[in-house]
Amino acid sequence: MKTNFSTKNILFIVVIVLLLIPQTRHPIQVWLNKGLALFSPAVVDENKQAVLTDYKWALQTKSGQIVSFEQSQGKVVLLNFWATWCAPCIAEMPSLQLLYEDYKDKVDFVFVSSDPPEKVEDFLKKEGYTFENYRIKSQLPDLLDVTNIPRTFLIDQSGHIIIDKTGAANWNSESVRTTIDASLNR
C-alpha cells in the first residue's frame, strides 16, 4: 500500500506540530485570529436590543482610583473585556486602538482586564496602545455576564446594547463607525 503525502498534508502536519509547541502556539493563534478580525461585528436588531439600566458598578484605574460606571450613563460607550494572554483579544486590539484614536473625545471607551495591572501596563506600553484599562471592583449587572473574551458591547446613550460581540472583530470598520456616528447624532 503506497502512501501519497502531498504538500498540503505536510503543511498541515507542520502547522499542527507548531501549535503543539508552547513557544509558537500563541503567535500562531494571534495570527489566525487576525484573519477573523477582518470582519465587522453585527448590529443587534432594534427589537432585540437589551437595555442596560444598572450603571452602579465600580471600576479601578491603574493608579488605584475607584470610579463608578455611572459616569458613562447617558453617553455612547464601547465596553471591552479582554486579557493579555487572549489571542483573539490581541488580534482585535489594533482596530480598537484606531477607533479609540478617532472617537476618544466622543465615546467612553472602557477596557476591562482582570490581568495584574503591571502586566497590562507592560503590554499596552509594548504595543503602543494609549487607552486606559480598568479592573472590575464590584458585581457586574447580569446583562453584562462575560464568560468568554474578548467580549465587546457598544451601548448607546439610552443604554441600548447595539452591538454585543464575543470574539475578535474589526472595530475600525466603516459599519462600526457609521453605527457610532448614528448613535452620537440621536
C-alpha atoms as a PDB file:
ATOM      1  CA  MET A   1       0.000   0.000   0.000  1.00  0.00           C
ATOM      2  CA  LYS A   2       1.508   3.281  -1.116  1.00  0.00           C
ATOM      3  CA  THR A   3       1.012   6.475   0.909  1.00  0.00           C
ATOM      4  CA  ASN A   4       0.893   9.696  -1.062  1.00  0.00           C
ATOM      5  CA  PHE A   5       1.886  12.687   1.049  1.00  0.00           C
ATOM      6  CA  SER A   6       1.065  15.891  -0.762  1.00  0.00           C
ATOM      7  CA  THR A   7       2.427  19.324   0.039  1.00  0.00           C
ATOM      8  CA  LYS A   8      -0.917  20.170   1.684  1.00  0.00           C
ATOM      9  CA  ASN A   9      -0.596  17.204   4.045  1.00  0.00           C
ATOM     10  CA  ILE A  10       2.951  18.130   5.017  1.00  0.00           C
ATOM     11  CA  LEU A  11       1.962  21.757   5.577  1.00  0.00           C
ATOM     12  CA  PHE A  12      -0.989  20.642   7.724  1.00  0.00           C
ATOM     13  CA  ILE A  13       1.280  18.436   9.852  1.00  0.00           C
ATOM     14  CA  VAL A  14       3.811  21.273  10.285  1.00  0.00           C
ATOM     15  CA  VAL A  15       1.044  23.643  11.449  1.00  0.00           C
ATOM     16  CA  ILE A  16      -0.269  21.059  13.925  1.00  0.00           C
ATOM     17  CA  VAL A  17       3.233  20.479  15.327  1.00  0.00           C
ATOM     18  CA  LEU A  18       3.812  24.239  15.642  1.00  0.00           C
ATOM     19  CA  LEU A  19       0.517  24.573  17.512  1.00  0.00           C
ATOM     20  CA  LEU A  20       1.637  21.884  19.941  1.00  0.00           C
ATOM     21  CA  ILE A  21       4.872  23.710  20.793  1.00  0.00           C
ATOM     22  CA  PRO A  22       4.077  26.276  23.524  1.00  0.00           C
ATOM     23  CA  GLN A  23       6.509  28.927  22.222  1.00  0.00           C
ATOM     24  CA  THR A  24       4.913  29.003  18.770  1.00  0.00           C
ATOM     25  CA  ARG A  25       1.290  28.303  19.706  1.00  0.00           C
ATOM     26  CA  HIS A  26       0.363  31.790  20.900  1.00  0.00           C
ATOM     27  CA  PRO A  27       1.804  33.771  17.938  1.00  0.00           C
ATOM     28  CA  ILE A  28       0.096  31.387  15.511  1.00  0.00           C
ATOM     29  CA  GLN A  29      -3.212  31.733  17.361  1.00  0.00           C
ATOM     30  CA  VAL A  30      -2.939  35.529  17.222  1.00  0.00           C
ATOM     31  CA  TRP A  31      -2.158  35.379  13.502  1.00  0.00           C
ATOM     32  CA  LEU A  32      -5.140  33.093  12.815  1.00  0.00           C
ATOM     33  CA  ASN A  33      -7.446  35.322  14.843  1.00  0.00           C
ATOM     34  CA  LYS A  34      -6.298  38.381  12.904  1.00  0.00           C
ATOM     35  CA  GLY A  35      -7.926  36.693   9.929  1.00  0.00           C
ATOM     36  CA  LEU A  36     -11.176  36.503  11.871  1.00  0.00           C
ATOM     37  CA  ALA A  37     -10.780  40.108  12.994  1.00  0.00           C
ATOM     38  CA  LEU A  38     -11.203  41.278   9.402  1.00  0.00           C
ATOM     39  CA  PHE A  39     -14.984  41.126   9.795  1.00  0.00           C
ATOM     40  CA  SER A  40     -17.121  43.817  11.370  1.00  0.00           C
ATOM     41  CA  PRO A  41     -19.359  42.971  14.304  1.00  0.00           C
ATOM     42  CA  ALA A  42     -23.071  42.867  13.572  1.00  0.00           C
ATOM     43  CA  VAL A  43     -25.535  45.381  14.936  1.00  0.00           C
ATOM     44  CA  VAL A  44     -28.277  43.831  17.076  1.00  0.00           C
ATOM     45  CA  ASP A  45     -31.765  44.234  15.573  1.00  0.00           C
ATOM     46  CA  GLU A  46     -33.557  47.138  17.280  1.00  0.00           C
ATOM     47  CA  ASN A  47     -36.380  44.944  18.581  1.00  0.00           C
ATOM     48  CA  LYS A  48     -33.846  42.512  20.110  1.00  0.00           C
ATOM     49  CA  GLN A  49     -31.573  45.052  21.806  1.00  0.00           C
ATOM     50  CA  ALA A  50     -31.179  44.586  25.534  1.00  0.00           C
ATOM     51  CA  VAL A  51     -31.161  47.736  27.646  1.00  0.00           C
ATOM     52  CA  LEU A  52     -28.561  48.346  30.321  1.00  0.00           C
ATOM     53  CA  THR A  53     -30.224  50.016  33.299  1.00  0.00           C
ATOM     54  CA  ASP A  54     -27.686  49.255  36.048  1.00  0.00           C
ATOM     55  CA  TYR A  55     -24.722  51.592  35.817  1.00  0.00           C
ATOM     56  CA  LYS A  56     -23.941  51.331  39.533  1.00  0.00           C
ATOM     57  CA  TRP A  57     -20.756  49.284  39.488  1.00  0.00           C
ATOM     58  CA  ALA A  58     -17.193  50.205  40.237  1.00  0.00           C
ATOM     59  CA  LEU A  59     -14.000  50.185  38.202  1.00  0.00           C
ATOM     60  CA  GLN A  60     -10.420  50.715  39.334  1.00  0.00           C
ATOM     61  CA  THR A  61      -7.831  52.682  37.368  1.00  0.00           C
ATOM     62  CA  LYS A  62      -4.163  51.698  37.125  1.00  0.00           C
ATOM     63  CA  SER A  63      -3.378  54.191  39.878  1.00  0.00           C
ATOM     64  CA  GLY A  64      -5.888  52.505  42.183  1.00  0.00           C
ATOM     65  CA  GLN A  65      -8.604  55.160  41.976  1.00  0.00           C
ATOM     66  CA  ILE A  66     -12.144  53.783  42.151  1.00  0.00           C
ATOM     67  CA  VAL A  67     -14.556  55.234  39.600  1.00  0.00           C
ATOM     68  CA  SER A  68     -18.220  54.494  39.007  1.00  0.00           C
ATOM     69  CA  PHE A  69     -19.504  53.325  35.650  1.00  0.00           C
ATOM     70  CA  GLU A  70     -22.337  55.783  36.334  1.00  0.00           C
ATOM     71  CA  GLN A  71     -20.082  58.445  34.789  1.00  0.00           C
ATOM     72  CA  SER A  72     -20.790  56.768  31.431  1.00  0.00           C
ATOM     73  CA  GLN A  73     -24.577  56.808  31.767  1.00  0.00           C
ATOM     74  CA  GLY A  74     -26.165  58.893  29.006  1.00  0.00           C
ATOM     75  CA  LYS A  75     -23.114  58.523  26.749  1.00  0.00           C
ATOM     76  CA  VAL A  76     -22.156  56.209  23.902  1.00  0.00           C
ATOM     77  CA  VAL A  77     -19.890  53.563  25.454  1.00  0.00           C
ATOM     78  CA  LEU A  78     -17.630  50.904  24.000  1.00  0.00           C
ATOM     79  CA  LEU A  79     -17.049  48.347  26.763  1.00  0.00           C
ATOM     80  CA  ASN A  80     -14.383  45.730  26.005  1.00  0.00           C
ATOM     81  CA  PHE A  81     -13.417  42.765  28.207  1.00  0.00           C
ATOM     82  CA  TRP A  82     -10.009  41.333  27.301  1.00  0.00           C
ATOM     83  CA  ALA A  83      -6.767  39.762  28.588  1.00  0.00           C
ATOM     84  CA  THR A  84      -3.099  39.958  27.663  1.00  0.00           C
ATOM     85  CA  TRP A  85      -2.909  36.175  27.108  1.00  0.00           C
ATOM     86  CA  CYS A  86      -6.017  36.006  24.877  1.00  0.00           C
ATOM     87  CA  ALA A  87      -5.136  35.547  21.182  1.00  0.00           C
ATOM     88  CA  PRO A  88      -8.467  36.881  19.806  1.00  0.00           C
ATOM     89  CA  CYS A  89      -8.171  39.887  22.151  1.00  0.00           C
ATOM     90  CA  ILE A  90      -4.687  40.670  20.884  1.00  0.00           C
ATOM     91  CA  ALA A  91      -5.825  40.213  17.284  1.00  0.00           C
ATOM     92  CA  GLU A  92      -8.573  42.849  17.545  1.00  0.00           C
ATOM     93  CA  MET A  93      -6.616  45.391  19.616  1.00  0.00           C
ATOM     94  CA  PRO A  94      -5.105  47.296  16.651  1.00  0.00           C
ATOM     95  CA  SER A  95      -8.580  48.048  15.274  1.00  0.00           C
ATOM     96  CA  LEU A  96      -9.815  49.096  18.720  1.00  0.00           C
ATOM     97  CA  GLN A  97      -6.832  51.438  19.099  1.00  0.00           C
ATOM     98  CA  LEU A  98      -7.561  53.087  15.726  1.00  0.00           C
ATOM     99  CA  LEU A  99     -11.224  53.540  16.660  1.00  0.00           C
ATOM    100  CA  TYR A 100     -10.192  54.915  20.055  1.00  0.00           C
ATOM    101  CA  GLU A 101      -7.850  57.467  18.465  1.00  0.00           C
ATOM    102  CA  ASP A 102     -10.669  58.885  16.335  1.00  0.00           C
ATOM    103  CA  TYR A 103     -13.540  58.714  18.863  1.00  0.00           C
ATOM    104  CA  LYS A 104     -11.951  59.116  22.313  1.00  0.00           C
ATOM    105  CA  ASP A 105     -13.457  62.597  22.723  1.00  0.00           C
ATOM    106  CA  LYS A 106     -16.963  61.470  21.706  1.00  0.00           C
ATOM    107  CA  VAL A 107     -17.306  57.920  23.080  1.00  0.00           C
ATOM    108  CA  ASP A 108     -16.481  56.499  26.507  1.00  0.00           C
ATOM    109  CA  PHE A 109     -14.043  53.645  25.949  1.00  0.00           C
ATOM    110  CA  VAL A 110     -13.894  51.242  28.871  1.00  0.00           C
ATOM    111  CA  PHE A 111     -11.328  48.463  28.528  1.00  0.00           C
ATOM    112  CA  VAL A 112     -11.503  45.886  31.313  1.00  0.00           C
ATOM    113  CA  SER A 113      -8.974  43.168  32.114  1.00  0.00           C
ATOM    114  CA  SER A 114      -8.551  41.023  35.208  1.00  0.00           C
ATOM    115  CA  ASP A 115      -4.841  40.585  34.494  1.00  0.00           C
ATOM    116  CA  PRO A 116      -2.433  42.098  37.055  1.00  0.00           C
ATOM    117  CA  PRO A 117      -2.171  45.874  36.435  1.00  0.00           C
ATOM    118  CA  GLU A 118       1.610  45.716  35.905  1.00  0.00           C
ATOM    119  CA  LYS A 119       1.206  43.053  33.220  1.00  0.00           C
ATOM    120  CA  VAL A 120      -1.499  45.084  31.472  1.00  0.00           C
ATOM    121  CA  GLU A 121       0.565  48.277  31.568  1.00  0.00           C
ATOM    122  CA  ASP A 122       3.636  46.483  30.196  1.00  0.00           C
ATOM    123  CA  PHE A 123       1.530  45.007  27.384  1.00  0.00           C
ATOM    124  CA  LEU A 124      -0.126  48.332  26.498  1.00  0.00           C
ATOM    125  CA  LYS A 125       3.200  50.168  26.506  1.00  0.00           C
ATOM    126  CA  LYS A 126       4.966  47.476  24.448  1.00  0.00           C
ATOM    127  CA  GLU A 127       2.206  47.501  21.817  1.00  0.00           C
ATOM    128  CA  GLY A 128       1.802  51.297  21.775  1.00  0.00           C
ATOM    129  CA  TYR A 129      -1.835  51.313  22.930  1.00  0.00           C
ATOM    130  CA  THR A 130      -2.925  54.557  24.552  1.00  0.00           C
ATOM    131  CA  PHE A 131      -6.304  53.727  26.064  1.00  0.00           C
ATOM    132  CA  GLU A 132      -6.781  53.278  29.796  1.00  0.00           C
ATOM    133  CA  ASN A 133      -7.508  49.877  31.259  1.00  0.00           C
ATOM    134  CA  TYR A 134      -9.709  49.196  34.272  1.00  0.00           C
ATOM    135  CA  ARG A 135     -10.333  46.367  36.699  1.00  0.00           C
ATOM    136  CA  ILE A 136     -13.813  45.453  37.895  1.00  0.00           C
ATOM    137  CA  LYS A 137     -14.231  46.204  41.595  1.00  0.00           C
ATOM    138  CA  SER A 138     -17.883  45.252  42.120  1.00  0.00           C
ATOM    139  CA  GLN A 139     -20.515  42.887  40.773  1.00  0.00           C
ATOM    140  CA  LEU A 140     -21.418  43.447  37.125  1.00  0.00           C
ATOM    141  CA  PRO A 141     -25.062  43.518  36.061  1.00  0.00           C
ATOM    142  CA  ASP A 142     -26.326  40.120  34.810  1.00  0.00           C
ATOM    143  CA  LEU A 143     -26.794  41.678  31.371  1.00  0.00           C
ATOM    144  CA  LEU A 144     -23.011  42.048  31.111  1.00  0.00           C
ATOM    145  CA  ASP A 145     -22.225  38.483  32.154  1.00  0.00           C
ATOM    146  CA  VAL A 146     -18.942  37.753  30.427  1.00  0.00           C
ATOM    147  CA  THR A 147     -17.928  34.107  30.208  1.00  0.00           C
ATOM    148  CA  ASN A 148     -15.757  34.353  27.079  1.00  0.00           C
ATOM    149  CA  ILE A 149     -13.339  37.013  25.918  1.00  0.00           C
ATOM    150  CA  PRO A 150     -12.961  39.187  24.048  1.00  0.00           C
ATOM    151  CA  ARG A 151     -16.471  40.441  24.621  1.00  0.00           C
ATOM    152  CA  THR A 152     -17.362  43.921  23.482  1.00  0.00           C
ATOM    153  CA  PHE A 153     -20.525  45.936  23.912  1.00  0.00           C
ATOM    154  CA  LEU A 154     -21.425  49.142  22.098  1.00  0.00           C
ATOM    155  CA  ILE A 155     -24.029  50.909  24.224  1.00  0.00           C
ATOM    156  CA  ASP A 156     -25.972  53.981  23.117  1.00  0.00           C
ATOM    157  CA  GLN A 157     -26.951  56.972  25.273  1.00  0.00           C
ATOM    158  CA  SER A 158     -30.204  55.338  26.377  1.00  0.00           C
ATOM    159  CA  GLY A 159     -28.489  52.086  27.406  1.00  0.00           C
ATOM    160  CA  HIS A 160     -29.423  50.007  24.354  1.00  0.00           C
ATOM    161  CA  ILE A 161     -26.754  47.435  23.571  1.00  0.00           C
ATOM    162  CA  ILE A 162     -26.486  47.991  19.846  1.00  0.00           C
ATOM    163  CA  ILE A 163     -23.507  45.667  19.346  1.00  0.00           C
ATOM    164  CA  ASP A 164     -22.751  42.629  21.507  1.00  0.00           C
ATOM    165  CA  LYS A 165     -19.776  40.738  20.099  1.00  0.00           C
ATOM    166  CA  THR A 166     -17.889  37.782  21.530  1.00  0.00           C
ATOM    167  CA  GLY A 167     -14.662  37.009  19.676  1.00  0.00           C
ATOM    168  CA  ALA A 168     -12.321  39.025  17.507  1.00  0.00           C
ATOM    169  CA  ALA A 169     -13.742  41.648  15.164  1.00  0.00           C
ATOM    170  CA  ASN A 170     -12.723  44.644  13.086  1.00  0.00           C
ATOM    171  CA  TRP A 171     -13.814  47.547  15.277  1.00  0.00           C
ATOM    172  CA  ASN A 172     -12.331  50.138  12.926  1.00  0.00           C
ATOM    173  CA  SER A 173     -14.675  49.217  10.088  1.00  0.00           C
ATOM    174  CA  GLU A 174     -16.914  51.591   8.198  1.00  0.00           C
ATOM    175  CA  SER A 175     -20.025  49.849   9.546  1.00  0.00           C
ATOM    176  CA  VAL A 176     -18.933  50.322  13.188  1.00  0.00           C
ATOM    177  CA  ARG A 177     -18.071  53.961  12.533  1.00  0.00           C
ATOM    178  CA  THR A 178     -21.452  54.512  10.847  1.00  0.00           C
ATOM    179  CA  THR A 179     -23.209  52.886  13.813  1.00  0.00           C
ATOM    180  CA  ILE A 180     -21.325  55.067  16.296  1.00  0.00           C
ATOM    181  CA  ASP A 181     -21.958  58.221  14.261  1.00  0.00           C
ATOM    182  CA  ALA A 182     -25.692  57.449  14.078  1.00  0.00           C
ATOM    183  CA  SER A 183     -25.752  56.885  17.864  1.00  0.00           C
ATOM    184  CA  LEU A 184     -23.933  60.150  18.523  1.00  0.00           C
ATOM    185  CA  ASN A 185     -26.402  62.060  16.347  1.00  0.00           C
ATOM    186  CA  ARG A 186     -29.533  60.856  18.181  1.00  0.00           C
END
